Protein backbone atom coordinates (compact mmCIF):
# COMPACT_ATOMS: atom_id res chain seq x y z
CA UNK A 1 -26.79 21.23 -15.32
CA UNK A 2 -29.35 19.12 -16.76
CA UNK A 3 -33.75 19.22 -17.16
CA UNK A 4 -35.04 16.33 -14.73
CA UNK A 5 -37.42 14.06 -16.30
CA UNK A 6 -41.54 14.67 -15.18
CA UNK A 7 -41.08 11.62 -12.88
CA UNK A 8 -38.72 13.09 -11.22
CA UNK A 9 -39.61 17.10 -10.70
CA UNK A 10 -43.35 15.00 -9.27
CA UNK A 11 -41.17 13.17 -6.84
CA UNK A 12 -39.02 16.19 -5.18
CA UNK A 13 -43.19 17.76 -4.83
CA UNK A 14 -44.17 15.18 -3.12
CA UNK A 15 -44.53 15.54 0.78
CA UNK A 16 -42.39 12.55 1.58
CA UNK A 17 -39.55 11.56 -0.92
CA UNK A 18 -36.70 9.16 -0.46
CA UNK A 19 -33.78 11.32 -2.46
CA UNK A 20 -30.22 9.45 -2.38
CA UNK A 21 -27.12 10.70 -3.77
CA UNK A 22 -24.70 8.95 -6.07
CA UNK A 23 -21.39 9.92 -7.05
CA UNK A 24 -19.40 9.88 -10.24
CA UNK A 25 -15.39 10.40 -9.59
CA UNK A 26 -12.88 10.08 -12.67
CA UNK A 27 -9.63 8.56 -11.66
CA UNK A 28 -7.64 8.64 -14.84
CA UNK A 29 -8.43 8.99 -18.37
CA UNK A 30 -10.03 5.61 -18.56
CA UNK A 31 -14.01 5.93 -17.86
CA UNK A 32 -13.88 2.24 -16.51
CA UNK A 33 -12.18 2.92 -13.87
CA UNK A 34 -14.36 5.29 -12.63
CA UNK A 35 -15.53 5.67 -8.98
CA UNK A 36 -18.97 5.25 -8.37
CA UNK A 37 -20.18 5.77 -4.56
CA UNK A 38 -23.54 6.19 -2.81
CA UNK A 39 -24.29 7.94 -0.02
CA UNK A 40 -26.70 5.32 1.62
CA UNK A 41 -27.00 2.30 3.47
CA UNK A 42 -26.61 -0.02 0.96
CA UNK A 43 -25.72 -0.42 -2.42
CA UNK A 44 -27.63 1.42 -4.89
CA UNK A 45 -28.28 0.04 -8.66
CA UNK A 46 -28.94 2.85 -10.86
CA UNK A 47 -28.13 3.74 -14.41
CA UNK A 48 -24.28 5.31 -15.37
CA UNK A 49 -25.78 6.23 -18.95
CA UNK A 50 -29.28 6.23 -20.48
CA UNK A 51 -28.62 2.27 -21.31
CA UNK A 52 -25.71 0.73 -18.76
CA UNK A 53 -26.99 -0.46 -15.46
CA UNK A 54 -24.41 0.62 -12.86
CA UNK A 55 -23.97 -0.29 -9.10
CA UNK A 56 -22.93 2.66 -7.23
CA UNK A 57 -21.63 1.12 -3.80
CA UNK A 58 -22.25 2.44 -0.60
CA UNK A 59 -19.62 4.56 1.21
CA UNK A 60 -19.29 6.93 3.59
CA UNK A 61 -19.64 10.61 1.17
CA UNK A 62 -21.00 13.58 1.63
CA UNK A 63 -20.99 16.91 -0.15
CA UNK A 64 -21.98 20.59 0.61
CA UNK A 65 -24.91 22.89 -0.61
CA UNK A 66 -24.27 24.60 -3.78
CA UNK A 67 -25.04 28.38 -2.47
CA UNK A 68 -25.71 31.72 -4.76
CA UNK A 69 -23.28 34.32 -3.62
CA UNK A 70 -24.13 37.71 -3.17
CA UNK A 71 -22.12 38.42 -6.60
CA UNK A 72 -24.73 35.76 -8.38
CA UNK A 73 -22.68 33.24 -8.80
CA UNK A 74 -22.31 29.66 -7.18
CA UNK A 75 -20.05 28.63 -4.44
CA UNK A 76 -17.80 26.05 -4.78
CA UNK A 77 -19.16 22.81 -3.04
CA UNK A 78 -16.54 20.69 -0.77
CA UNK A 79 -16.96 16.59 -0.73
CA UNK A 80 -15.82 14.47 1.90
CA UNK A 81 -15.17 11.02 1.58
CA UNK A 82 -14.43 8.29 4.45
CA UNK A 83 -10.70 7.44 4.51
CA UNK A 84 -10.52 5.11 7.16
CA UNK A 85 -9.80 1.91 4.65
CA UNK A 86 -7.07 4.01 3.26
CA UNK A 87 -8.59 2.72 0.22
CA UNK A 88 -9.30 6.67 -1.18
CA UNK A 89 -5.28 7.34 0.48
CA UNK A 90 -3.80 5.07 -2.27
CA UNK A 91 -6.22 6.70 -4.95
CA UNK A 92 -4.57 10.31 -3.88
CA UNK A 93 -1.26 9.32 -4.09
CA UNK A 94 -1.15 7.10 -6.77
CA UNK A 95 -2.95 9.89 -9.31
CA UNK A 96 -1.87 12.98 -8.26
CA UNK A 97 -4.68 13.66 -5.80
CA UNK A 98 -7.18 13.21 -8.19
CA UNK A 99 -7.05 16.98 -8.92
CA UNK A 100 -8.76 18.19 -12.23
CA UNK A 101 -10.79 15.16 -12.61
CA UNK A 102 -14.23 14.74 -13.36
CA UNK A 103 -17.22 14.51 -10.41
CA UNK A 104 -20.85 14.24 -11.27
CA UNK A 105 -23.16 14.13 -8.58
CA UNK A 106 -26.49 13.22 -9.00
CA UNK A 107 -29.88 13.04 -6.99
CA UNK A 108 -32.36 10.14 -7.40
CA UNK A 109 -35.26 8.63 -5.60
CA UNK A 110 -35.57 5.72 -4.09
CA UNK A 111 -39.06 4.58 -6.10
CA UNK A 112 -37.71 5.95 -9.28
CA UNK A 113 -34.02 3.88 -9.45
CA UNK A 114 -35.84 1.80 -12.50
CA UNK A 115 -36.03 4.83 -14.48
CA UNK A 116 -33.03 5.79 -16.02
CA UNK A 117 -33.90 9.57 -16.73
CA UNK A 118 -35.26 9.98 -13.42
CA UNK A 119 -32.24 12.34 -11.68
CA UNK A 120 -31.10 15.55 -11.45
CA UNK A 121 -27.26 16.04 -11.97
CA UNK A 122 -24.47 18.40 -11.28
CA UNK A 123 -21.18 18.23 -12.79
CA UNK A 124 -17.85 19.40 -10.81
CA UNK A 125 -14.41 18.85 -11.12
CA UNK A 126 -11.61 18.83 -8.12
CA UNK A 127 -9.74 21.88 -7.69
CA UNK A 128 -7.83 21.05 -4.15
CA UNK A 129 -7.92 18.17 -1.35
CA UNK A 130 -6.88 17.80 2.07
CA UNK A 131 -7.23 14.95 3.91
CA UNK A 132 -6.26 12.68 6.90
CA UNK A 133 -6.01 9.30 8.36
CA UNK A 134 -10.14 9.73 8.81
CA UNK A 135 -11.48 11.29 5.41
CA UNK A 136 -10.52 13.21 2.45
CA UNK A 137 -12.06 16.69 1.36
CA UNK A 138 -11.90 17.82 -2.06
CA UNK A 139 -12.84 21.66 -3.32
CA UNK A 140 -15.20 21.45 -6.21
CA UNK A 141 -15.33 24.22 -9.05
CA UNK A 142 -17.53 24.27 -11.94
CA UNK A 143 -16.01 24.16 -15.79
CA UNK A 144 -16.61 27.96 -15.90
CA UNK A 145 -13.83 28.32 -12.71
CA UNK A 146 -11.40 26.50 -14.82
CA UNK A 147 -11.34 28.16 -17.51
CA UNK A 148 -7.69 30.54 -17.88
CA UNK A 149 -6.55 28.84 -14.29
CA UNK A 150 -3.61 26.91 -13.85
CA UNK A 151 -5.06 23.94 -11.59
CA UNK A 152 -2.84 22.73 -8.91
CA UNK A 153 -0.87 19.50 -9.95
CA UNK A 154 1.68 18.88 -6.91
CA UNK A 155 1.02 17.93 -3.40
CA UNK A 156 3.26 17.28 -0.48
CA UNK A 157 2.10 13.91 1.68
CA UNK A 158 3.65 13.50 4.96
CA UNK A 159 6.06 10.23 5.13
CA UNK A 160 5.49 10.55 1.39
CA UNK A 161 7.48 10.73 -1.69
CA UNK A 162 5.91 12.75 -4.43
CA UNK A 163 8.19 10.95 -7.36
CA UNK A 164 6.85 8.23 -10.04
CA UNK A 165 9.18 5.46 -9.40
CA UNK A 166 11.85 4.70 -11.88
CA UNK A 167 11.01 8.25 -13.06
CA UNK A 168 12.19 11.49 -12.63
CA UNK A 169 13.07 12.73 -9.11
CA UNK A 170 13.52 8.77 -7.95
CA UNK A 171 15.40 8.18 -10.66
CA UNK A 172 18.06 9.86 -12.60
CA UNK A 173 18.02 11.58 -16.78
CA UNK A 174 19.66 8.87 -18.93
CA UNK A 175 19.85 11.60 -21.36
CA UNK A 176 17.62 10.43 -23.70
CA UNK A 177 14.36 11.44 -22.47
CA UNK A 178 14.65 8.45 -20.18
CA UNK A 179 15.76 7.66 -16.38
CA UNK A 180 18.06 5.34 -15.10
CA UNK A 181 19.22 4.00 -12.01
CA UNK A 182 22.54 5.28 -10.14
CA UNK A 183 25.54 3.24 -10.36
CA UNK A 184 25.95 0.98 -7.85
CA UNK A 185 21.87 0.57 -7.68
CA UNK A 186 20.77 -2.04 -5.96
CA UNK A 187 17.23 -3.02 -3.91
CA UNK A 188 18.62 -2.73 -0.13
CA UNK A 189 17.97 -5.73 2.62
CA UNK A 190 15.94 -5.63 5.27
CA UNK A 191 17.42 -6.23 8.09
CA UNK A 192 16.10 -9.31 10.47
CA UNK A 193 18.24 -8.99 13.49
CA UNK A 194 21.65 -7.61 12.96
CA UNK A 195 25.54 -7.47 14.67
CA UNK A 196 24.85 -9.82 18.10
CA UNK A 197 25.59 -13.23 17.98
CA UNK A 198 23.45 -15.76 18.81
CA UNK A 199 24.47 -19.00 19.57
CA UNK A 200 24.20 -22.57 21.34
CA UNK A 201 26.18 -25.66 22.37
CA UNK A 202 26.10 -29.23 23.66
CA UNK A 203 28.45 -30.97 25.31
CA UNK A 204 28.55 -34.50 23.76
CA UNK A 205 24.77 -35.96 21.66
CA UNK A 206 21.81 -33.33 21.76
CA UNK A 207 20.09 -30.63 20.35
CA UNK A 208 21.71 -27.37 19.39
CA UNK A 209 19.00 -24.47 19.30
CA UNK A 210 20.22 -20.89 18.86
CA UNK A 211 17.20 -18.87 18.43
CA UNK A 212 16.28 -15.21 19.33
CA UNK A 213 12.65 -13.19 19.13
CA UNK A 214 12.65 -9.53 18.07
CA UNK A 215 10.47 -6.85 17.63
CA UNK A 216 8.27 -7.71 14.67
CA UNK A 217 9.80 -6.51 10.82
CA UNK A 218 7.22 -5.49 8.27
CA UNK A 219 8.57 -6.41 4.40
CA UNK A 220 5.14 -6.31 3.04
CA UNK A 221 6.23 -7.26 -0.38
CA UNK A 222 8.05 -10.53 1.00
CA UNK A 223 6.86 -13.43 -0.56
CA UNK A 224 8.72 -16.96 -0.69
CA UNK A 225 9.30 -16.26 -4.95
CA UNK A 226 10.98 -13.24 -4.32
CA UNK A 227 12.68 -13.45 -0.99
CA UNK A 228 16.48 -14.38 0.12
CA UNK A 229 17.27 -14.83 3.69
CA UNK A 230 21.34 -13.61 4.01
CA UNK A 231 23.33 -14.49 7.38
CA UNK A 232 25.82 -15.34 8.82
CA UNK A 233 26.53 -18.55 10.04
CA UNK A 234 29.45 -20.71 12.04
CA UNK A 235 29.87 -24.22 13.91
CA UNK A 236 32.94 -24.95 15.45
CA UNK A 237 32.81 -28.50 14.80
CA UNK A 238 30.53 -28.76 11.56
CA UNK A 239 31.15 -32.59 11.40
CA UNK A 240 28.78 -33.29 14.86
CA UNK A 241 25.74 -31.55 12.94
CA UNK A 242 23.25 -33.56 11.01
CA UNK A 243 20.31 -34.00 8.42
CA UNK A 244 17.88 -33.52 11.73
CA UNK A 245 18.03 -29.75 11.14
CA UNK A 246 16.34 -26.56 10.17
CA UNK A 247 16.25 -22.65 9.49
CA UNK A 248 13.47 -21.49 10.16
CA UNK A 249 11.66 -17.86 10.14
CA UNK A 250 7.99 -17.15 11.62
CA UNK A 251 5.83 -14.47 12.54
CA UNK A 252 4.40 -15.81 15.70
CA UNK A 253 7.26 -15.43 18.07
CA UNK A 254 8.14 -18.65 17.90
CA UNK A 255 9.01 -22.14 16.51
CA UNK A 256 6.14 -24.27 14.28
CA UNK A 257 3.69 -21.40 14.16
CA UNK A 258 3.19 -18.77 11.10
CA UNK A 259 6.73 -20.55 10.13
CA UNK A 260 8.74 -21.25 7.04
CA UNK A 261 11.67 -23.34 7.17
CA UNK A 262 14.75 -24.91 5.06
CA UNK A 263 15.57 -28.53 6.09
CA UNK A 264 18.92 -29.90 6.50
CA UNK A 265 21.73 -27.03 7.09
CA UNK A 266 24.44 -29.75 6.55
CA UNK A 267 23.81 -29.49 2.74
CA UNK A 268 25.08 -25.55 3.30
CA UNK A 269 28.55 -26.68 3.52
CA UNK A 270 29.23 -24.60 7.32
CA UNK A 271 32.54 -24.39 8.39
CA UNK A 272 34.57 -23.01 11.98
CA UNK A 273 35.04 -19.35 10.20
CA UNK A 274 31.94 -17.41 9.48
CA UNK A 275 30.52 -17.59 6.35
CA UNK A 276 27.68 -15.30 4.63
CA UNK A 277 24.96 -17.57 3.23
CA UNK A 278 22.54 -16.34 0.53
CA UNK A 279 19.35 -18.45 0.89
CA UNK A 280 16.31 -18.51 -1.73
CA UNK A 281 13.13 -19.13 0.52
CA UNK A 282 11.59 -20.40 -2.74
CA UNK A 283 12.04 -24.13 -1.76
CA UNK A 284 11.32 -23.18 1.91
CA UNK A 285 8.55 -25.48 3.78
CA UNK A 286 5.33 -23.87 5.81
CA UNK A 287 4.25 -25.11 9.41
CA UNK A 288 1.56 -24.12 11.36
CA UNK A 289 -0.07 -21.84 8.76
CA UNK A 290 1.72 -19.25 6.66
CA UNK A 291 3.95 -16.69 7.91
CA UNK A 292 3.02 -12.67 8.23
CA UNK A 293 5.52 -11.12 6.06
CA UNK A 294 4.36 -7.71 7.78
CA UNK A 295 5.75 -9.03 10.70
CA UNK A 296 8.07 -11.11 11.02
CA UNK A 297 9.41 -11.47 14.84
CA UNK A 298 11.56 -15.23 15.14
CA UNK A 299 14.81 -16.75 13.93
CA UNK A 300 16.11 -20.05 15.06
CA UNK A 301 18.83 -22.90 13.77
CA UNK A 302 18.55 -25.81 15.31
CA UNK A 303 20.30 -29.27 14.88
CA UNK A 304 20.63 -32.43 16.48
CA UNK A 305 23.94 -33.35 17.34
CA UNK A 306 26.68 -36.75 17.37
CA UNK A 307 28.62 -34.66 20.28
CA UNK A 308 30.11 -31.40 21.42
CA UNK A 309 29.80 -28.43 19.23
CA UNK A 310 28.69 -24.93 19.24
CA UNK A 311 26.72 -23.60 16.80
CA UNK A 312 26.46 -19.66 15.75
CA UNK A 313 24.61 -17.38 13.68
CA UNK A 314 24.46 -13.06 13.18
CA UNK A 315 23.86 -10.55 10.84
CA UNK A 316 20.29 -11.71 8.95
CA UNK A 317 18.74 -10.00 6.11
CA UNK A 318 15.87 -10.37 3.71
CA UNK A 319 16.78 -9.55 -0.08
CA UNK A 320 14.04 -8.85 -1.93
CA UNK A 321 14.02 -9.76 -6.01
CA UNK A 322 12.42 -8.22 -8.97
CA UNK A 323 11.22 -5.23 -6.99
CA UNK A 324 9.07 -3.00 -9.45
CA UNK A 325 6.68 -1.45 -7.11
CA UNK A 326 6.66 1.17 -5.04
CA UNK A 327 3.94 3.27 -3.01
CA UNK A 328 5.90 5.64 -1.91
CA UNK A 329 6.59 5.24 1.42
CA UNK A 330 10.20 5.82 3.50
CA UNK A 331 9.96 2.20 4.29
CA UNK A 332 9.08 1.03 0.79
CA UNK A 333 12.23 3.53 -0.50
CA UNK A 334 14.82 1.68 2.15
CA UNK A 335 13.50 -1.88 0.34
CA UNK A 336 14.24 0.01 -3.37
CA UNK A 337 17.59 1.07 -2.34
CA UNK A 338 16.93 4.81 -2.79
CA UNK A 339 16.60 6.15 0.88
CA UNK A 340 20.48 6.19 1.68
CA UNK A 341 21.69 7.65 -1.50
CA UNK A 342 18.56 10.87 -1.17
CA UNK A 343 18.55 10.69 2.59
CA UNK A 344 14.91 10.23 2.62
CA UNK A 345 12.10 12.35 1.05
CA UNK A 346 12.23 16.18 1.25
CA UNK A 347 9.28 18.65 2.88
CA UNK A 348 7.34 16.57 5.60
CA UNK A 349 4.27 18.77 6.55
CA UNK A 350 2.61 17.96 9.83
CA UNK A 351 -1.07 17.40 7.67
CA UNK A 352 -0.94 14.13 5.93
CA UNK A 353 -2.09 15.62 2.43
CA UNK A 354 -2.01 18.95 1.70
CA UNK A 355 -2.45 21.01 -1.79
CA UNK A 356 0.04 23.39 -2.99
C-alpha cells in the first residue's frame, strides 16, 4: 500500500474519471523478465518506477475486489488472465505455475499518464492457480498471509510432464549430484508411414511413381538442419532408374507444393533387396513454399526409367538430431525417447492445471 499523489486523489474524487488498471507480474528472479499488462483497449505508456517509462500491453486481464472480512482482515483477491493464445499456459509450465511470484496492481488515470507518481498500488503474491484453455485464475495473497506458510510448489497439468528436461524425474541420478540419460537413450524416431509397402511398376520406358498421402504428422521441432529421413527402399532392377528422380515429402497432400525433396536417387546405391537409408534433410531442396513440419502428410519417390522396373518403399521415419528442448507434452517425450522408458506421465487429472 502507498499514499497516492494529490493529483491522483483529485481525479479519484472527480465526478467523472478515467481509471486504468495496470499489472506487473514477476516470472522469475530477473525483473527484466516481468510481464507488464493493462486491462485496457490499447497499450498504455506509463512507468514501472519513478524514472523509467514502461509499456503495459493491452491484455484480457481482471481482478476481483479486495474486501474486508468480518474479522477485520482482507479477503484474498483473484487475478484472471486470458489464456486463449496459450502464452500464459507456457509460463505456467516453465515456471512452476508462477507460485510465490510477486504481482503489483496499480490504478492510474488516463489523464495522468505523464505523472510517474499518480497511481494507487497494491502488492500481492501468487498463492495458487487454476487454468484451462480459455483463462488462468490466480489466487493472490498478501505478504502477511505468506508468513509462516509453505506455498504450494508443485502442480499437475493434463497431458504435461512435471519433470524438468534432463533433470530429476526425466533423467537418472548420476551419483554426483547431476543427472544422466539411461543406457541406450536416443531421441526417438517419429513415424510417417509404416509397415505397408508402397510400390509402382512400369513395363518398358516410363515413369515410376510410388506415393502415398497419410494422416498429418506433427514434428514441430523439425528443420532441414536437424532432420533425417529414415526409409527402406528396394528396386528389382535399379539399373533402369535415372538421375531424373526424387524423394519428396510435403504438407500439402501432394507433390510440388510445400515440399522438400532430394534429387537423383541413383546416387543412393539402391539394390534389389531392402535397404535402410538415412537421408539428411539439410541438402534437400524446396518447392512450392516451405513444408509445414507440424502437418507432414505426403511422401513420394519417383523416377523416369530406361526400361521395365518395380520400385518399392516402406517404414518411413523422421529422426531429429541434437534435440535439446522439451515442452513437457507426451508428443515431445516420445520424440526425445523417454515415453517408452517411463510409460507416459503419471497422474493426469481432468482439469488442465490443478494446484496441489
